[in-house]
Structures are given as C-alpha cells and as structure tokens.
Amino acid sequence: MRRRDREVTDLGEIVAIIGRCEVLHLGLVDDGKPYIVPLNYGFEEKDGQITLVFHSAQEGRKIDIIKRNPSACFELSRIHKIIRGEKPAGWTARYESVIGYGDVEIIENVAEKTAAMDLIMKKHGYEGVPEYAPQAIDETAICKLTVSEITAKRNMKPEDLRELSA
C-alpha cells in the first residue's frame, strides 16, 4: 500500500468499515478476462476469519464462473464526503475502502443458506428474525467468500470518525 498513513490494520476497524459500506464489488475471472459484479452482501467475523455472503439466481454468468474458478477478489468502499479545494487538484474525499481475496463457495445446506440470508438481511437493516418461504431458499443460490487476504484504508479526520459513531 502506497499510503501507509491511511492504512487500517486493526481487524475490528476493518470489520466496522465492511459494515458501513453498501455494495460489494466481486471480481472474478471469466476465460482469462476480468468480470466485476456489484452485489448486496452480508458478512461475519469469527475468530479473526471474515466471511462475506451474497445471493444470486441459481444460473447465470456469475454462478458459471464461480463453478469453473472459485478464486475471487472484492472491493467495498464508501465516500463519506467530498472536500472542495480552491483548485481542482485541491479536492479530496473522506473515504473508507477494503480490498481482499478469497475463494467463493456455493452453499448447499439449507440451514447454512438460511443463516447466510439472515446476515444479508441484518446488514441491510432488517430487525428481528427473518422468515423465508422454503421455496425461496431452495431457488436461491447463496454464496460465501472466505477471505484469505484483506487490506483497508481510509482518509478520515477525527471529527469524521466521531460523526460515524454518533
């Protein structure tokens, strides 16, 4: 990472950033060409291991690629605010971002699929215990990306961070 002064290394802080982002950009390789798709997601961290989950139709380009090559990269980011300068080169952004790598697995077990859907619902603000029609779980592909490498960075001032925790 070129800007070490912006690097975030604390796992708790990285997990907090993942929680504040809204879109997971999943990068896959399709016959030697990059393929990126934006996704809704959920996540969890257990014993230092971060897992990202997302849902999909059971067929289509993304699922076909994952079946051929489960290696993936991902990016999550959010712009907190734009800081205007007097000249264009003086503009900047207050942001947070996470980039990582891992392998994607299509979950087959119904209990695991349901738990992953719960993570997605929780991430997007659902309160309580979601209930799903069995057919909906059966007809939905649920994937988990087990993170093997991760980096994070941010350009935030202390007052920006206080705003986030308020």
N, C-alpha and C. Protein backbone atom coordinates (compact mmCIF):
# COMPACT_ATOMS: atom_id res chain seq x y z
N MET A 1 0.85 -1.18 0.00
CA MET A 1 0.00 0.00 0.00
C MET A 1 0.90 1.23 0.00
N ARG A 2 0.66 2.10 -0.95
CA ARG A 2 1.50 3.29 -1.09
C ARG A 2 1.30 4.26 0.05
N ARG A 3 0.07 4.53 0.44
CA ARG A 3 -0.22 5.50 1.50
C ARG A 3 -0.39 4.78 2.84
N ARG A 4 0.72 4.43 3.44
CA ARG A 4 0.69 3.72 4.73
C ARG A 4 0.02 4.54 5.83
N ASP A 5 0.04 5.87 5.67
CA ASP A 5 -0.61 6.73 6.67
C ASP A 5 -2.13 6.57 6.66
N ARG A 6 -2.67 5.97 5.60
CA ARG A 6 -4.12 5.76 5.51
C ARG A 6 -4.52 4.31 5.74
N GLU A 7 -3.55 3.45 5.93
CA GLU A 7 -3.82 2.04 6.10
C GLU A 7 -4.53 1.76 7.43
N VAL A 8 -5.49 0.87 7.40
CA VAL A 8 -6.20 0.41 8.59
C VAL A 8 -5.81 -1.05 8.79
N THR A 9 -5.22 -1.36 9.95
CA THR A 9 -4.77 -2.73 10.19
C THR A 9 -5.53 -3.44 11.31
N ASP A 10 -6.22 -2.68 12.14
CA ASP A 10 -6.97 -3.28 13.24
C ASP A 10 -8.18 -4.03 12.69
N LEU A 11 -8.29 -5.33 13.00
CA LEU A 11 -9.37 -6.15 12.47
C LEU A 11 -10.74 -5.60 12.83
N GLY A 12 -10.91 -5.12 14.04
CA GLY A 12 -12.19 -4.54 14.45
C GLY A 12 -12.58 -3.34 13.60
N GLU A 13 -11.60 -2.50 13.28
CA GLU A 13 -11.85 -1.34 12.43
C GLU A 13 -12.19 -1.77 11.00
N ILE A 14 -11.50 -2.79 10.50
CA ILE A 14 -11.78 -3.30 9.16
C ILE A 14 -13.21 -3.83 9.10
N VAL A 15 -13.60 -4.58 10.11
CA VAL A 15 -14.97 -5.12 10.17
C VAL A 15 -15.99 -3.98 10.24
N ALA A 16 -15.67 -2.93 10.98
CA ALA A 16 -16.58 -1.77 11.06
C ALA A 16 -16.73 -1.11 9.69
N ILE A 17 -15.64 -0.99 8.95
CA ILE A 17 -15.72 -0.41 7.61
C ILE A 17 -16.59 -1.29 6.71
N ILE A 18 -16.39 -2.60 6.76
CA ILE A 18 -17.22 -3.51 5.97
C ILE A 18 -18.70 -3.29 6.30
N GLY A 19 -18.99 -3.07 7.56
CA GLY A 19 -20.37 -2.84 7.97
C GLY A 19 -20.95 -1.53 7.47
N ARG A 20 -20.11 -0.53 7.25
CA ARG A 20 -20.60 0.77 6.79
C ARG A 20 -20.74 0.85 5.27
N CYS A 21 -20.05 -0.01 4.54
CA CYS A 21 -20.15 0.02 3.08
C CYS A 21 -21.50 -0.55 2.66
N GLU A 22 -21.91 -0.27 1.44
CA GLU A 22 -23.23 -0.68 0.98
C GLU A 22 -23.22 -1.68 -0.17
N VAL A 23 -22.17 -1.70 -0.97
CA VAL A 23 -22.14 -2.57 -2.15
C VAL A 23 -20.82 -3.33 -2.18
N LEU A 24 -20.93 -4.63 -2.39
CA LEU A 24 -19.76 -5.49 -2.59
C LEU A 24 -19.52 -5.59 -4.09
N HIS A 25 -18.31 -5.25 -4.52
CA HIS A 25 -17.93 -5.43 -5.93
C HIS A 25 -17.08 -6.69 -5.98
N LEU A 26 -17.62 -7.73 -6.60
CA LEU A 26 -16.97 -9.03 -6.69
C LEU A 26 -16.25 -9.14 -8.01
N GLY A 27 -14.96 -9.47 -7.96
CA GLY A 27 -14.17 -9.64 -9.17
C GLY A 27 -13.86 -11.11 -9.40
N LEU A 28 -14.19 -11.58 -10.59
CA LEU A 28 -13.95 -12.96 -10.98
C LEU A 28 -13.17 -12.96 -12.29
N VAL A 29 -12.70 -14.14 -12.71
CA VAL A 29 -12.01 -14.25 -13.99
C VAL A 29 -12.81 -15.20 -14.87
N ASP A 30 -13.26 -14.70 -16.03
CA ASP A 30 -14.07 -15.46 -16.98
C ASP A 30 -13.26 -15.69 -18.24
N ASP A 31 -12.75 -16.90 -18.39
CA ASP A 31 -11.93 -17.25 -19.56
C ASP A 31 -10.81 -16.25 -19.80
N GLY A 32 -10.11 -15.91 -18.72
CA GLY A 32 -8.97 -15.02 -18.81
C GLY A 32 -9.30 -13.54 -18.81
N LYS A 33 -10.58 -13.19 -18.77
CA LYS A 33 -10.97 -11.79 -18.75
C LYS A 33 -11.59 -11.45 -17.41
N PRO A 34 -11.31 -10.24 -16.88
CA PRO A 34 -11.91 -9.84 -15.61
C PRO A 34 -13.41 -9.61 -15.77
N TYR A 35 -14.14 -9.94 -14.72
CA TYR A 35 -15.58 -9.74 -14.66
C TYR A 35 -15.91 -9.23 -13.26
N ILE A 36 -16.55 -8.08 -13.17
CA ILE A 36 -16.89 -7.49 -11.88
C ILE A 36 -18.40 -7.32 -11.81
N VAL A 37 -18.95 -7.66 -10.64
CA VAL A 37 -20.39 -7.54 -10.46
C VAL A 37 -20.68 -6.91 -9.09
N PRO A 38 -21.56 -5.90 -9.04
CA PRO A 38 -21.94 -5.31 -7.75
C PRO A 38 -23.03 -6.16 -7.09
N LEU A 39 -22.92 -6.32 -5.76
CA LEU A 39 -23.84 -7.20 -5.04
C LEU A 39 -24.26 -6.63 -3.70
N ASN A 40 -25.46 -6.97 -3.25
CA ASN A 40 -25.83 -6.82 -1.85
C ASN A 40 -25.09 -7.92 -1.11
N TYR A 41 -24.80 -7.71 0.16
CA TYR A 41 -24.00 -8.70 0.87
C TYR A 41 -24.30 -8.67 2.36
N GLY A 42 -23.83 -9.70 3.01
CA GLY A 42 -23.79 -9.78 4.45
C GLY A 42 -22.39 -10.24 4.82
N PHE A 43 -22.08 -10.25 6.09
CA PHE A 43 -20.74 -10.66 6.50
C PHE A 43 -20.74 -11.06 7.95
N GLU A 44 -19.68 -11.78 8.31
CA GLU A 44 -19.43 -12.06 9.71
C GLU A 44 -17.93 -12.23 9.92
N GLU A 45 -17.53 -12.02 11.17
CA GLU A 45 -16.14 -12.26 11.58
C GLU A 45 -16.21 -13.17 12.79
N LYS A 46 -15.54 -14.31 12.68
CA LYS A 46 -15.46 -15.25 13.79
C LYS A 46 -14.01 -15.66 13.96
N ASP A 47 -13.49 -15.45 15.15
CA ASP A 47 -12.12 -15.86 15.46
C ASP A 47 -11.11 -15.35 14.44
N GLY A 48 -11.31 -14.11 14.00
CA GLY A 48 -10.36 -13.50 13.08
C GLY A 48 -10.60 -13.82 11.61
N GLN A 49 -11.57 -14.67 11.30
CA GLN A 49 -11.88 -15.03 9.91
C GLN A 49 -13.10 -14.25 9.43
N ILE A 50 -12.91 -13.49 8.35
CA ILE A 50 -14.02 -12.74 7.76
C ILE A 50 -14.62 -13.56 6.62
N THR A 51 -15.95 -13.64 6.62
CA THR A 51 -16.68 -14.30 5.55
C THR A 51 -17.72 -13.32 5.02
N LEU A 52 -17.77 -13.18 3.70
CA LEU A 52 -18.77 -12.37 3.03
C LEU A 52 -19.77 -13.31 2.37
N VAL A 53 -21.05 -12.96 2.39
CA VAL A 53 -22.06 -13.80 1.75
C VAL A 53 -22.92 -12.94 0.82
N PHE A 54 -23.40 -13.56 -0.23
CA PHE A 54 -24.28 -12.88 -1.18
C PHE A 54 -25.20 -13.90 -1.83
N HIS A 55 -26.29 -13.39 -2.40
CA HIS A 55 -27.23 -14.30 -3.06
C HIS A 55 -27.24 -14.05 -4.55
N SER A 56 -27.82 -14.99 -5.27
CA SER A 56 -27.80 -14.93 -6.72
C SER A 56 -28.91 -15.82 -7.27
N ALA A 57 -29.20 -15.64 -8.54
CA ALA A 57 -30.00 -16.65 -9.23
C ALA A 57 -29.16 -17.93 -9.28
N GLN A 58 -29.79 -19.05 -9.47
CA GLN A 58 -29.05 -20.31 -9.47
C GLN A 58 -28.30 -20.56 -10.77
N GLU A 59 -28.58 -19.76 -11.76
CA GLU A 59 -27.85 -19.90 -13.01
C GLU A 59 -27.53 -18.53 -13.56
N GLY A 60 -26.54 -18.48 -14.39
CA GLY A 60 -26.13 -17.21 -14.97
C GLY A 60 -24.61 -17.12 -15.00
N ARG A 61 -24.13 -16.06 -15.56
CA ARG A 61 -22.69 -15.90 -15.77
C ARG A 61 -21.89 -15.98 -14.48
N LYS A 62 -22.32 -15.26 -13.44
CA LYS A 62 -21.57 -15.24 -12.17
C LYS A 62 -21.44 -16.65 -11.59
N ILE A 63 -22.54 -17.40 -11.54
CA ILE A 63 -22.52 -18.76 -10.98
C ILE A 63 -21.68 -19.68 -11.85
N ASP A 64 -21.79 -19.54 -13.17
CA ASP A 64 -20.97 -20.36 -14.08
C ASP A 64 -19.48 -20.12 -13.84
N ILE A 65 -19.10 -18.86 -13.68
CA ILE A 65 -17.69 -18.53 -13.45
C ILE A 65 -17.23 -19.12 -12.11
N ILE A 66 -18.01 -18.94 -11.06
CA ILE A 66 -17.64 -19.45 -9.73
C ILE A 66 -17.45 -20.96 -9.77
N LYS A 67 -18.30 -21.67 -10.50
CA LYS A 67 -18.17 -23.14 -10.61
C LYS A 67 -16.87 -23.53 -11.32
N ARG A 68 -16.44 -22.73 -12.29
CA ARG A 68 -15.20 -23.02 -13.02
C ARG A 68 -13.95 -22.58 -12.26
N ASN A 69 -14.08 -21.43 -11.56
CA ASN A 69 -12.92 -20.86 -10.88
C ASN A 69 -13.40 -20.08 -9.65
N PRO A 70 -13.29 -20.67 -8.47
CA PRO A 70 -13.81 -20.01 -7.27
C PRO A 70 -12.95 -18.88 -6.73
N SER A 71 -11.76 -18.66 -7.30
CA SER A 71 -10.90 -17.58 -6.81
C SER A 71 -11.54 -16.24 -7.14
N ALA A 72 -11.52 -15.34 -6.15
CA ALA A 72 -12.17 -14.05 -6.34
C ALA A 72 -11.40 -12.95 -5.63
N CYS A 73 -11.66 -11.73 -6.05
CA CYS A 73 -11.24 -10.56 -5.31
C CYS A 73 -12.49 -9.74 -5.06
N PHE A 74 -12.40 -8.80 -4.15
CA PHE A 74 -13.56 -7.98 -3.85
C PHE A 74 -13.11 -6.60 -3.41
N GLU A 75 -14.05 -5.67 -3.52
CA GLU A 75 -13.82 -4.29 -3.11
C GLU A 75 -15.10 -3.76 -2.49
N LEU A 76 -14.94 -3.04 -1.39
CA LEU A 76 -16.03 -2.34 -0.72
C LEU A 76 -15.51 -0.93 -0.46
N SER A 77 -16.34 0.07 -0.71
CA SER A 77 -15.89 1.43 -0.42
C SER A 77 -17.08 2.33 -0.16
N ARG A 78 -16.77 3.43 0.48
CA ARG A 78 -17.81 4.44 0.71
C ARG A 78 -17.14 5.81 0.77
N ILE A 79 -17.81 6.76 0.17
CA ILE A 79 -17.38 8.15 0.24
C ILE A 79 -18.17 8.78 1.39
N HIS A 80 -17.45 9.31 2.36
CA HIS A 80 -18.11 9.98 3.49
C HIS A 80 -18.50 11.40 3.08
N LYS A 81 -17.57 12.10 2.46
CA LYS A 81 -17.88 13.42 1.92
C LYS A 81 -16.76 13.88 1.00
N ILE A 82 -17.11 14.79 0.11
CA ILE A 82 -16.15 15.41 -0.80
C ILE A 82 -15.69 16.72 -0.17
N ILE A 83 -14.38 16.92 -0.18
CA ILE A 83 -13.79 18.15 0.34
C ILE A 83 -13.36 18.99 -0.87
N ARG A 84 -13.98 20.15 -1.01
CA ARG A 84 -13.69 21.02 -2.15
C ARG A 84 -12.46 21.87 -1.88
N GLY A 85 -11.65 22.02 -2.91
CA GLY A 85 -10.48 22.88 -2.83
C GLY A 85 -10.66 24.09 -3.72
N GLU A 86 -9.73 25.02 -3.61
CA GLU A 86 -9.80 26.21 -4.45
C GLU A 86 -9.55 25.86 -5.91
N LYS A 87 -8.69 24.88 -6.14
CA LYS A 87 -8.37 24.42 -7.50
C LYS A 87 -8.72 22.94 -7.59
N PRO A 88 -8.94 22.44 -8.80
CA PRO A 88 -9.30 21.02 -8.94
C PRO A 88 -8.32 20.07 -8.24
N ALA A 89 -7.03 20.35 -8.30
CA ALA A 89 -6.06 19.47 -7.65
C ALA A 89 -6.13 19.52 -6.13
N GLY A 90 -6.87 20.47 -5.59
CA GLY A 90 -7.01 20.59 -4.15
C GLY A 90 -8.22 19.85 -3.58
N TRP A 91 -9.01 19.25 -4.44
CA TRP A 91 -10.17 18.49 -3.98
C TRP A 91 -9.70 17.14 -3.44
N THR A 92 -10.45 16.60 -2.49
CA THR A 92 -10.16 15.26 -1.98
C THR A 92 -11.47 14.66 -1.48
N ALA A 93 -11.38 13.47 -0.98
CA ALA A 93 -12.58 12.80 -0.44
C ALA A 93 -12.24 12.19 0.91
N ARG A 94 -13.20 12.19 1.80
CA ARG A 94 -13.13 11.43 3.03
C ARG A 94 -13.77 10.08 2.70
N TYR A 95 -13.00 9.02 2.76
CA TYR A 95 -13.47 7.73 2.31
C TYR A 95 -12.93 6.60 3.18
N GLU A 96 -13.52 5.43 2.98
CA GLU A 96 -13.04 4.19 3.57
C GLU A 96 -13.16 3.12 2.49
N SER A 97 -12.19 2.19 2.46
CA SER A 97 -12.27 1.12 1.47
C SER A 97 -11.59 -0.14 1.99
N VAL A 98 -12.04 -1.25 1.45
CA VAL A 98 -11.49 -2.56 1.79
C VAL A 98 -11.32 -3.32 0.48
N ILE A 99 -10.20 -3.98 0.33
CA ILE A 99 -9.93 -4.84 -0.83
C ILE A 99 -9.42 -6.16 -0.30
N GLY A 100 -9.84 -7.25 -0.92
CA GLY A 100 -9.37 -8.55 -0.46
C GLY A 100 -9.51 -9.64 -1.50
N TYR A 101 -9.09 -10.82 -1.08
CA TYR A 101 -9.10 -12.01 -1.94
C TYR A 101 -9.64 -13.18 -1.14
N GLY A 102 -10.13 -14.16 -1.86
CA GLY A 102 -10.58 -15.38 -1.23
C GLY A 102 -11.20 -16.32 -2.25
N ASP A 103 -11.79 -17.37 -1.75
CA ASP A 103 -12.47 -18.35 -2.59
C ASP A 103 -13.96 -18.30 -2.31
N VAL A 104 -14.75 -18.45 -3.35
CA VAL A 104 -16.20 -18.45 -3.25
C VAL A 104 -16.71 -19.89 -3.30
N GLU A 105 -17.64 -20.17 -2.44
CA GLU A 105 -18.27 -21.48 -2.37
C GLU A 105 -19.78 -21.29 -2.46
N ILE A 106 -20.43 -22.13 -3.24
CA ILE A 106 -21.89 -22.10 -3.31
C ILE A 106 -22.40 -22.98 -2.17
N ILE A 107 -23.21 -22.41 -1.28
CA ILE A 107 -23.71 -23.13 -0.11
C ILE A 107 -24.89 -23.99 -0.53
N GLU A 108 -24.86 -25.26 -0.14
CA GLU A 108 -25.94 -26.18 -0.47
C GLU A 108 -26.83 -26.48 0.73
N ASN A 109 -26.27 -26.50 1.93
CA ASN A 109 -27.01 -26.83 3.15
C ASN A 109 -28.05 -25.76 3.45
N VAL A 110 -29.30 -26.19 3.65
CA VAL A 110 -30.41 -25.25 3.85
C VAL A 110 -30.20 -24.40 5.10
N ALA A 111 -29.73 -24.98 6.19
CA ALA A 111 -29.51 -24.21 7.42
C ALA A 111 -28.43 -23.16 7.21
N GLU A 112 -27.36 -23.52 6.50
CA GLU A 112 -26.29 -22.55 6.21
C GLU A 112 -26.79 -21.45 5.27
N LYS A 113 -27.60 -21.84 4.28
CA LYS A 113 -28.16 -20.84 3.35
C LYS A 113 -29.04 -19.85 4.12
N THR A 114 -29.85 -20.37 5.03
CA THR A 114 -30.73 -19.51 5.81
C THR A 114 -29.93 -18.57 6.70
N ALA A 115 -28.90 -19.09 7.34
CA ALA A 115 -28.04 -18.25 8.19
C ALA A 115 -27.36 -17.16 7.37
N ALA A 116 -26.93 -17.50 6.16
CA ALA A 116 -26.29 -16.50 5.28
C ALA A 116 -27.30 -15.43 4.87
N MET A 117 -28.53 -15.84 4.55
CA MET A 117 -29.57 -14.86 4.20
C MET A 117 -29.85 -13.94 5.38
N ASP A 118 -29.83 -14.51 6.60
CA ASP A 118 -30.02 -13.68 7.80
C ASP A 118 -28.94 -12.60 7.89
N LEU A 119 -27.69 -12.97 7.56
CA LEU A 119 -26.60 -11.99 7.58
C LEU A 119 -26.84 -10.87 6.57
N ILE A 120 -27.33 -11.24 5.40
CA ILE A 120 -27.61 -10.23 4.37
C ILE A 120 -28.73 -9.30 4.84
N MET A 121 -29.78 -9.88 5.39
CA MET A 121 -30.91 -9.07 5.87
C MET A 121 -30.47 -8.14 7.00
N LYS A 122 -29.68 -8.68 7.93
CA LYS A 122 -29.18 -7.88 9.06
C LYS A 122 -28.32 -6.72 8.56
N LYS A 123 -27.46 -7.00 7.60
CA LYS A 123 -26.57 -5.97 7.06
C LYS A 123 -27.37 -4.80 6.50
N HIS A 124 -28.51 -5.10 5.91
CA HIS A 124 -29.29 -4.07 5.25
C HIS A 124 -30.43 -3.53 6.12
N GLY A 125 -30.33 -3.80 7.44
CA GLY A 125 -31.21 -3.13 8.38
C GLY A 125 -32.41 -3.90 8.89
N TYR A 126 -32.57 -5.15 8.49
CA TYR A 126 -33.71 -5.91 8.99
C TYR A 126 -33.53 -6.18 10.47
N GLU A 127 -34.57 -5.91 11.23
CA GLU A 127 -34.53 -6.17 12.67
C GLU A 127 -35.44 -7.35 12.98
N GLY A 128 -35.04 -8.16 13.89
CA GLY A 128 -35.84 -9.34 14.23
C GLY A 128 -35.29 -10.57 13.54
N VAL A 129 -36.12 -11.61 13.53
CA VAL A 129 -35.73 -12.89 12.93
C VAL A 129 -36.49 -13.03 11.61
N PRO A 130 -35.78 -12.98 10.48
CA PRO A 130 -36.48 -13.10 9.20
C PRO A 130 -37.02 -14.51 9.00
N GLU A 131 -38.13 -14.59 8.29
CA GLU A 131 -38.68 -15.88 7.91
C GLU A 131 -38.74 -15.93 6.39
N TYR A 132 -38.38 -17.07 5.83
CA TYR A 132 -38.33 -17.23 4.38
C TYR A 132 -39.21 -18.40 3.98
N ALA A 133 -39.84 -18.27 2.84
CA ALA A 133 -40.56 -19.41 2.29
C ALA A 133 -39.52 -20.46 1.89
N PRO A 134 -39.75 -21.73 2.23
CA PRO A 134 -38.77 -22.77 1.86
C PRO A 134 -38.41 -22.74 0.38
N GLN A 135 -39.38 -22.45 -0.46
CA GLN A 135 -39.14 -22.40 -1.90
C GLN A 135 -38.14 -21.29 -2.25
N ALA A 136 -38.22 -20.16 -1.55
CA ALA A 136 -37.31 -19.05 -1.83
C ALA A 136 -35.86 -19.44 -1.52
N ILE A 137 -35.65 -20.14 -0.42
CA ILE A 137 -34.29 -20.59 -0.07
C ILE A 137 -33.82 -21.63 -1.09
N ASP A 138 -34.71 -22.56 -1.46
CA ASP A 138 -34.35 -23.61 -2.42
C ASP A 138 -33.98 -23.03 -3.78
N GLU A 139 -34.69 -21.99 -4.19
CA GLU A 139 -34.50 -21.44 -5.53
C GLU A 139 -33.41 -20.37 -5.63
N THR A 140 -32.81 -20.04 -4.51
CA THR A 140 -31.79 -19.00 -4.49
C THR A 140 -30.41 -19.62 -4.28
N ALA A 141 -29.45 -19.18 -5.07
CA ALA A 141 -28.06 -19.59 -4.83
C ALA A 141 -27.50 -18.64 -3.78
N ILE A 142 -26.91 -19.19 -2.75
CA ILE A 142 -26.27 -18.39 -1.70
C ILE A 142 -24.79 -18.76 -1.73
N CYS A 143 -23.95 -17.75 -1.79
CA CYS A 143 -22.51 -17.97 -1.88
C CYS A 143 -21.80 -17.35 -0.69
N LYS A 144 -20.69 -17.98 -0.31
CA LYS A 144 -19.86 -17.37 0.73
C LYS A 144 -18.44 -17.26 0.21
N LEU A 145 -17.85 -16.12 0.51
CA LEU A 145 -16.47 -15.85 0.14
C LEU A 145 -15.67 -15.84 1.44
N THR A 146 -14.80 -16.81 1.57
CA THR A 146 -13.93 -16.89 2.74
C THR A 146 -12.68 -16.07 2.43
N VAL A 147 -12.49 -15.00 3.18
CA VAL A 147 -11.42 -14.05 2.92
C VAL A 147 -10.07 -14.62 3.35
N SER A 148 -9.11 -14.61 2.41
CA SER A 148 -7.76 -15.08 2.72
C SER A 148 -6.77 -13.93 2.86
N GLU A 149 -7.03 -12.82 2.20
CA GLU A 149 -6.19 -11.62 2.30
C GLU A 149 -7.10 -10.40 2.32
N ILE A 150 -6.71 -9.40 3.11
CA ILE A 150 -7.54 -8.20 3.18
C ILE A 150 -6.67 -6.99 3.53
N THR A 151 -6.98 -5.86 2.90
CA THR A 151 -6.35 -4.59 3.25
C THR A 151 -7.46 -3.54 3.33
N ALA A 152 -7.21 -2.52 4.12
CA ALA A 152 -8.20 -1.45 4.25
C ALA A 152 -7.47 -0.12 4.38
N LYS A 153 -8.14 0.92 3.93
CA LYS A 153 -7.58 2.26 4.10
C LYS A 153 -8.71 3.26 4.23
N ARG A 154 -8.36 4.41 4.76
CA ARG A 154 -9.34 5.48 4.86
C ARG A 154 -8.62 6.81 4.92
N ASN A 155 -9.34 7.82 4.48
CA ASN A 155 -8.89 9.20 4.59
C ASN A 155 -10.00 9.91 5.37
N MET A 156 -9.87 9.87 6.67
CA MET A 156 -10.89 10.45 7.55
C MET A 156 -10.19 11.29 8.62
N LYS A 157 -10.80 12.37 8.99
CA LYS A 157 -10.33 13.20 10.10
C LYS A 157 -11.02 12.72 11.37
N PRO A 158 -10.45 13.02 12.54
CA PRO A 158 -11.09 12.59 13.80
C PRO A 158 -12.55 13.01 13.91
N GLU A 159 -12.87 14.22 13.45
CA GLU A 159 -14.27 14.66 13.53
C GLU A 159 -15.18 13.82 12.62
N ASP A 160 -14.65 13.34 11.48
CA ASP A 160 -15.44 12.46 10.60
C ASP A 160 -15.75 11.15 11.31
N LEU A 161 -14.74 10.61 11.99
CA LEU A 161 -14.92 9.35 12.72
C LEU A 161 -15.91 9.52 13.86
N ARG A 162 -15.88 10.67 14.52
CA ARG A 162 -16.87 10.91 15.59
C ARG A 162 -18.28 10.95 15.01
N GLU A 163 -18.44 11.55 13.84
CA GLU A 163 -19.75 11.58 13.18
C GLU A 163 -20.27 10.18 12.93
N LEU A 164 -19.37 9.27 12.52
CA LEU A 164 -19.77 7.89 12.20
C LEU A 164 -20.26 7.15 13.43
N SER A 165 -19.68 7.44 14.58
CA SER A 165 -20.04 6.72 15.79
C SER A 165 -21.20 7.39 16.54
N ALA A 166 -21.64 8.55 16.09
CA ALA A 166 -22.75 9.25 16.76
C ALA A 166 -24.09 8.66 16.39
